[in-house]
PDB file of N, CA and C in Angstrom:
ATOM      1  N   MET A   1      37.685 -70.658 -98.090  1.00  0.00           N
ATOM      2  CA  MET A   1      38.423 -70.773 -99.343  1.00  0.00           C
ATOM      3  C   MET A   1      38.512 -70.806-100.662  1.00  0.00           C
ATOM      4  N   ARG A   2      38.748 -70.275-101.398  1.00  0.00           N
ATOM      5  CA  ARG A   2      38.607 -70.478-103.064  1.00  0.00           C
ATOM      6  C   ARG A   2      40.003 -71.645-103.757  1.00  0.00           C
ATOM      7  N   GLU A   3      38.850 -72.479-104.271  1.00  0.00           N
ATOM      8  CA  GLU A   3      40.293 -73.193-104.556  1.00  0.00           C
ATOM      9  C   GLU A   3      40.505 -73.398-105.880  1.00  0.00           C
ATOM     10  N   GLY A   4      41.272 -73.946-106.848  1.00  0.00           N
ATOM     11  CA  GLY A   4      41.483 -73.569-108.208  1.00  0.00           C
ATOM     12  C   GLY A   4      42.210 -72.117-108.662  1.00  0.00           C
ATOM     13  N   LYS A   5      42.790 -72.156-109.751  1.00  0.00           N
ATOM     14  CA  LYS A   5      43.595 -71.329-110.399  1.00  0.00           C
ATOM     15  C   LYS A   5      42.963 -69.413-110.281  1.00  0.00           C
ATOM     16  N   GLU A   6      43.669 -68.779-110.105  1.00  0.00           N
ATOM     17  CA  GLU A   6      42.751 -67.373-109.938  1.00  0.00           C
ATOM     18  C   GLU A   6      42.243 -66.595-111.113  1.00  0.00           C
ATOM     19  N   SER A   7      42.072 -65.775-111.194  1.00  0.00           N
ATOM     20  CA  SER A   7      42.021 -65.624-112.553  1.00  0.00           C
ATOM     21  C   SER A   7      43.064 -64.402-113.091  1.00  0.00           C
ATOM     22  N   PRO A   8      42.779 -64.901-114.474  1.00  0.00           N
ATOM     23  CA  PRO A   8      44.164 -64.382-114.863  1.00  0.00           C
ATOM     24  C   PRO A   8      44.331 -62.502-115.144  1.00  0.00           C
ATOM     25  N   GLU A   9      43.275 -61.442-114.679  1.00  0.00           N
ATOM     26  CA  GLU A   9      43.454 -60.189-113.505  1.00  0.00           C
ATOM     27  C   GLU A   9      44.117 -59.910-112.923  1.00  0.00           C
ATOM     28  N   VAL A  10      44.357 -61.445-111.746  1.00  0.00           N
ATOM     29  CA  VAL A  10      44.518 -61.205-110.637  1.00  0.00           C
ATOM     30  C   VAL A  10      46.390 -61.565-110.805  1.00  0.00           C
ATOM     31  N   GLN A  11      46.391 -62.647-111.487  1.00  0.00           N
ATOM     32  CA  GLN A  11      47.877 -63.532-112.162  1.00  0.00           C
ATOM     33  C   GLN A  11      48.658 -61.596-113.187  1.00  0.00           C
ATOM     34  N   GLY A  12      47.716 -61.369-113.758  1.00  0.00           N
ATOM     35  CA  GLY A  12      48.505 -60.239-114.670  1.00  0.00           C
ATOM     36  C   GLY A  12      49.099 -59.238-113.557  1.00  0.00           C
ATOM     37  N   GLY A  13      48.338 -58.858-112.651  1.00  0.00           N
ATOM     38  CA  GLY A  13      49.057 -58.207-111.625  1.00  0.00           C
ATOM     39  C   GLY A  13      49.759 -57.977-110.824  1.00  0.00           C
ATOM     40  N   ARG A  14      49.819 -59.303-110.373  1.00  0.00           N
ATOM     41  CA  ARG A  14      50.570 -59.954-109.494  1.00  0.00           C
ATOM     42  C   ARG A  14      52.416 -60.060-110.083  1.00  0.00           C
ATOM     43  N   ARG A  15      52.072 -59.903-111.494  1.00  0.00           N
ATOM     44  CA  ARG A  15      53.267 -60.263-112.171  1.00  0.00           C
ATOM     45  C   ARG A  15      54.274 -59.354-112.530  1.00  0.00           C
ATOM     46  N   SER A  16      52.803 -58.373-113.173  1.00  0.00           N
ATOM     47  CA  SER A  16      53.527 -56.613-113.062  1.00  0.00           C
ATOM     48  C   SER A  16      54.221 -56.413-112.107  1.00  0.00           C
ATOM     49  N   PHE A  17      53.823 -56.533-110.479  1.00  0.00           N
ATOM     50  CA  PHE A  17      53.546 -55.866-109.218  1.00  0.00           C
ATOM     51  C   PHE A  17      55.525 -56.563-109.471  1.00  0.00           C
ATOM     52  N   LEU A  18      55.711 -58.105-109.442  1.00  0.00           N
ATOM     53  CA  LEU A  18      56.658 -58.534-109.577  1.00  0.00           C
ATOM     54  C   LEU A  18      58.238 -58.044-110.199  1.00  0.00           C
ATOM     55  N   LYS A  19      57.744 -57.731-111.478  1.00  0.00           N
ATOM     56  CA  LYS A  19      58.734 -57.153-112.445  1.00  0.00           C
ATOM     57  C   LYS A  19      59.074 -55.470-111.699  1.00  0.00           C
ATOM     58  N   GLY A  20      57.871 -55.309-111.805  1.00  0.00           N
ATOM     59  CA  GLY A  20      58.027 -53.821-111.326  1.00  0.00           C
ATOM     60  C   GLY A  20      59.770 -53.600-110.479  1.00  0.00           C
ATOM     61  N   LEU A  21      59.173 -54.492-108.960  1.00  0.00           N
ATOM     62  CA  LEU A  21      59.730 -54.704-107.913  1.00  0.00           C
ATOM     63  C   LEU A  21      60.742 -54.920-108.011  1.00  0.00           C
ATOM     64  N   LEU A  22      61.723 -56.134-108.946  1.00  0.00           N
ATOM     65  CA  LEU A  22      62.451 -56.279-109.621  1.00  0.00           C
ATOM     66  C   LEU A  22      63.585 -55.809-110.495  1.00  0.00           C
ATOM     67  N   THR A  23      62.627 -54.717-111.103  1.00  0.00           N
ATOM     68  CA  THR A  23      63.203 -54.043-112.070  1.00  0.00           C
ATOM     69  C   THR A  23      63.545 -53.000-111.367  1.00  0.00           C
ATOM     70  N   GLY A  24      63.042 -52.173-110.124  1.00  0.00           N
ATOM     71  CA  GLY A  24      63.729 -51.465-109.498  1.00  0.00           C
ATOM     72  C   GLY A  24      64.203 -51.734-108.782  1.00  0.00           C
ATOM     73  N   ALA A  25      64.240 -53.141-108.192  1.00  0.00           N
ATOM     74  CA  ALA A  25      65.928 -53.366-107.739  1.00  0.00           C
ATOM     75  C   ALA A  25      66.900 -53.680-108.047  1.00  0.00           C
ATOM     76  N   GLY A  26      67.091 -53.952-109.137  1.00  0.00           N
ATOM     77  CA  GLY A  26      67.782 -53.872-110.362  1.00  0.00           C
ATOM     78  C   GLY A  26      68.472 -52.582-110.792  1.00  0.00           C
ATOM     79  N   VAL A  27      67.852 -51.778-110.840  1.00  0.00           N
ATOM     80  CA  VAL A  27      68.199 -50.537-110.804  1.00  0.00           C
ATOM     81  C   VAL A  27      69.140 -49.774-109.969  1.00  0.00           C
ATOM     82  N   ALA A  28      68.469 -50.016-108.298  1.00  0.00           N
ATOM     83  CA  ALA A  28      69.121 -49.761-107.326  1.00  0.00           C
ATOM     84  C   ALA A  28      70.321 -50.467-106.818  1.00  0.00           C
ATOM     85  N   VAL A  29      70.596 -51.639-107.330  1.00  0.00           N
ATOM     86  CA  VAL A  29      71.564 -52.164-107.058  1.00  0.00           C
ATOM     87  C   VAL A  29      72.916 -51.579-108.722  1.00  0.00           C
ATOM     88  N   ALA A  30      72.610 -51.303-109.842  1.00  0.00           N
ATOM     89  CA  ALA A  30      73.508 -51.109-111.055  1.00  0.00           C
ATOM     90  C   ALA A  30      73.659 -49.320-110.526  1.00  0.00           C
ATOM     91  N   LEU A  31      72.951 -48.615-110.174  1.00  0.00           N
ATOM     92  CA  LEU A  31      73.446 -47.322-108.731  1.00  0.00           C
ATOM     93  C   LEU A  31      73.801 -47.400-108.463  1.00  0.00           C
ATOM     94  N   GLY A  32      74.333 -48.366-107.251  1.00  0.00           N
ATOM     95  CA  GLY A  32      74.820 -48.207-106.317  1.00  0.00           C
ATOM     96  C   GLY A  32      76.533 -48.889-106.658  1.00  0.00           C
ATOM     97  N   MET A  33      76.809 -49.833-107.422  1.00  0.00           N
ATOM     98  CA  MET A  33      77.917 -50.513-108.560  1.00  0.00           C
ATOM     99  C   MET A  33      78.174 -49.589-108.608  1.00  0.00           C
ATOM    100  N   GLY A  34      77.936 -47.743-109.467  1.00  0.00           N
ATOM    101  CA  GLY A  34      78.622 -47.056-110.343  1.00  0.00           C
ATOM    102  C   GLY A  34      80.310 -47.390-109.580  1.00  0.00           C
ATOM    103  N   PRO A  35      81.163 -46.354-110.537  1.00  0.00           N
ATOM    104  CA  PRO A  35      82.285 -46.457-110.436  1.00  0.00           C
ATOM    105  C   PRO A  35      81.938 -44.882-109.353  1.00  0.00           C
ATOM    106  N   LYS A  36      82.845 -44.837-108.652  1.00  0.00           N
ATOM    107  CA  LYS A  36      82.971 -44.265-107.385  1.00  0.00           C
ATOM    108  C   LYS A  36      83.816 -43.165-108.220  1.00  0.00           C
ATOM    109  N   LYS A  37      83.562 -41.392-107.348  1.00  0.00           N
ATOM    110  CA  LYS A  37      84.275 -40.672-108.190  1.00  0.00           C
ATOM    111  C   LYS A  37      85.760 -40.390-107.451  1.00  0.00           C
ATOM    112  N   ALA A  38      86.970 -40.761-107.592  1.00  0.00           N
ATOM    113  CA  ALA A  38      88.064 -40.418-106.923  1.00  0.00           C
ATOM    114  C   ALA A  38      88.317 -39.168-105.623  1.00  0.00           C
ATOM    115  N   ALA A  39      88.680 -39.052-104.687  1.00  0.00           N
ATOM    116  CA  ALA A  39      88.311 -38.340-104.484  1.00  0.00           C
ATOM    117  C   ALA A  39      90.218 -37.446-104.682  1.00  0.00           C
ATOM    118  N   ALA A  40      89.758 -35.829-103.909  1.00  0.00           N
ATOM    119  CA  ALA A  40      90.844 -35.488-104.492  1.00  0.00           C
ATOM    120  C   ALA A  40      92.041 -35.118-103.329  1.00  0.00           C
ATOM    121  N   GLN A  41      93.676 -35.662-103.693  1.00  0.00           N
ATOM    122  CA  GLN A  41      94.720 -36.621-102.996  1.00  0.00           C
ATOM    123  C   GLN A  41      95.013 -35.008-102.511  1.00  0.00           C
ATOM    124  N   LYS A  42      95.803 -35.185-101.266  1.00  0.00           N
ATOM    125  CA  LYS A  42      96.376 -33.546-100.688  1.00  0.00           C
ATOM    126  C   LYS A  42      97.962 -33.453-101.485  1.00  0.00           C
ATOM    127  N   LYS A  43      98.421 -32.583-102.133  1.00  0.00           N
ATOM    128  CA  LYS A  43     100.052 -32.808-102.499  1.00  0.00           C
ATOM    129  C   LYS A  43     100.891 -32.726-100.827  1.00  0.00           C
ATOM    130  N   PRO A  44     102.101 -33.261-101.292  1.00  0.00           N
ATOM    131  CA  PRO A  44     102.422 -33.575 -99.473  1.00  0.00           C
ATOM    132  C   PRO A  44     103.203 -31.934-100.063  1.00  0.00           C
ATOM    133  N   GLY A  45     103.818 -31.604 -98.602  1.00  0.00           N
ATOM    134  CA  GLY A  45     104.514 -30.310 -99.005  1.00  0.00           C
ATOM    135  C   GLY A  45     103.271 -29.309 -98.289  1.00  0.00           C
ATOM    136  N   VAL A  46     102.222 -29.297 -99.498  1.00  0.00           N
ATOM    137  CA  VAL A  46     100.971 -28.214 -99.110  1.00  0.00           C
ATOM    138  C   VAL A  46     101.160 -27.396 -98.445  1.00  0.00           C
ATOM    139  N   PRO A  47     100.713 -26.249 -97.601  1.00  0.00           N
ATOM    140  CA  PRO A  47      99.750 -27.099 -96.030  1.00  0.00           C
ATOM    141  C   PRO A  47      98.102 -26.295 -97.107  1.00  0.00           C
ATOM    142  N   ASP A  48      97.580 -26.356 -95.488  1.00  0.00           N
ATOM    143  CA  ASP A  48      96.183 -25.732 -95.658  1.00  0.00           C
ATOM    144  C   ASP A  48      96.587 -24.282 -95.893  1.00  0.00           C
ATOM    145  N   PRO A  49      95.297 -23.643 -97.221  1.00  0.00           N
ATOM    146  CA  PRO A  49      95.347 -22.810 -97.090  1.00  0.00           C
ATOM    147  C   PRO A  49      94.383 -21.382 -95.674  1.00  0.00           C
ATOM    148  N   ILE A  50      94.533 -20.752 -95.221  1.00  0.00           N
ATOM    149  CA  ILE A  50      93.971 -20.100 -94.362  1.00  0.00           C
ATOM    150  C   ILE A  50      93.201 -19.465 -94.552  1.00  0.00           C
ATOM    151  N   LEU A  51      91.776 -20.289 -93.917  1.00  0.00           N
ATOM    152  CA  LEU A  51      90.814 -19.125 -94.302  1.00  0.00           C
ATOM    153  C   LEU A  51      90.371 -18.484 -93.409  1.00  0.00           C
ATOM    154  N   TYR A  52      91.035 -18.356 -91.787  1.00  0.00           N
ATOM    155  CA  TYR A  52      89.906 -17.437 -90.876  1.00  0.00           C
ATOM    156  C   TYR A  52      91.597 -17.005 -90.200  1.00  0.00           C
ATOM    157  N   ARG A  53      91.017 -16.118 -89.472  1.00  0.00           N
ATOM    158  CA  ARG A  53      92.540 -15.470 -88.740  1.00  0.00           C
ATOM    159  C   ARG A  53      92.133 -14.108 -87.501  1.00  0.00           C
ATOM    160  N   ARG A  54      92.726 -14.629 -86.640  1.00  0.00           N
ATOM    161  CA  ARG A  54      91.927 -13.964 -85.036  1.00  0.00           C
ATOM    162  C   ARG A  54      92.578 -12.397 -84.855  1.00  0.00           C
ATOM    163  N   THR A  55      92.625 -11.889 -85.612  1.00  0.00           N
ATOM    164  CA  THR A  55      92.807 -10.126 -84.918  1.00  0.00           C
ATOM    165  C   THR A  55      91.951 -10.114 -83.908  1.00  0.00           C
ATOM    166  N   GLU A  56      92.938  -8.879 -83.343  1.00  0.00           N
ATOM    167  CA  GLU A  56      92.287  -8.114 -82.205  1.00  0.00           C
ATOM    168  C   GLU A  56      90.791  -7.679 -82.132  1.00  0.00           C
ATOM    169  N   GLU A  57      90.638  -7.561 -83.269  1.00  0.00           N
ATOM    170  CA  GLU A  57      89.109  -7.271 -83.342  1.00  0.00           C
ATOM    171  C   GLU A  57      88.394  -8.708 -83.507  1.00  0.00           C
ATOM    172  N   VAL A  58      88.318  -9.397 -83.739  1.00  0.00           N
ATOM    173  CA  VAL A  58      87.717 -10.478 -83.545  1.00  0.00           C
ATOM    174  C   VAL A  58      87.508 -10.690 -82.156  1.00  0.00           C
ATOM    175  N   GLU A  59      88.848 -11.212 -81.124  1.00  0.00           N
ATOM    176  CA  GLU A  59      88.875 -11.253 -80.160  1.00  0.00           C
ATOM    177  C   GLU A  59      88.122 -10.412 -78.943  1.00  0.00           C
ATOM    178  N   LYS A  60      87.600  -9.086 -79.294  1.00  0.00           N
ATOM    179  CA  LYS A  60      86.634  -7.988 -78.714  1.00  0.00           C
ATOM    180  C   LYS A  60      86.199  -8.405 -79.247  1.00  0.00           C
ATOM    181  N   TYR A  61      85.603  -9.116 -79.886  1.00  0.00           N
ATOM    182  CA  TYR A  61      84.399  -9.489 -80.459  1.00  0.00           C
ATOM    183  C   TYR A  61      83.705 -10.418 -79.910  1.00  0.00           C
ATOM    184  N   TYR A  62      84.258 -11.522 -79.399  1.00  0.00           N
ATOM    185  CA  TYR A  62      84.096 -12.457 -78.703  1.00  0.00           C
ATOM    186  C   TYR A  62      83.697 -12.805 -77.102  1.00  0.00           C
ATOM    187  N   ARG A  63      84.912 -11.371 -77.111  1.00  0.00           N
ATOM    188  CA  ARG A  63      85.141 -10.987 -74.803  1.00  0.00           C
ATOM    189  C   ARG A  63      83.402 -10.732 -75.272  1.00  0.00           C
ATOM    190  N   THR A  64      83.221  -9.521 -75.652  1.00  0.00           N
ATOM    191  CA  THR A  64      82.010  -8.880 -75.563  1.00  0.00           C
ATOM    192  C   THR A  64      80.776  -9.994 -75.591  1.00  0.00           C
ATOM    193  N   LEU A  65      81.079 -10.639 -77.018  1.00  0.00           N
ATOM    194  CA  LEU A  65      79.471 -12.034 -77.345  1.00  0.00           C
ATOM    195  C   LEU A  65      78.966 -12.592 -75.751  1.00  0.00           C
ATOM    196  N   TYR A  66      80.469 -12.916 -75.395  1.00  0.00           N
ATOM    197  CA  TYR A  66      80.388 -13.921 -74.173  1.00  0.00           C
ATOM    198  C   TYR A  66      80.360 -13.721 -72.877  1.00  0.00           C
ATOM    199  N   ARG A  67      79.830 -12.310 -72.387  1.00  0.00           N
ATOM    200  CA  ARG A  67      79.626 -11.944 -71.571  1.00  0.00           C
ATOM    201  C   ARG A  67      78.299 -11.661 -71.050  1.00  0.00           C
TER     202      ARG A  67
END
């Protein structure tokens, strides 16, 4: 095993690695703590829009599809 202090190159490399690691962790925390977007609230009494209607043609299609 080596005794004594490490070379300045090794110390500088470790410091820059730790600095980058801590900076990255700080950025991740900062982005995670950003303001949350408000969800759209439903207005009371307003029904949901009808996006799909089951017509006779659609019923025929599905009956033939699953035979």
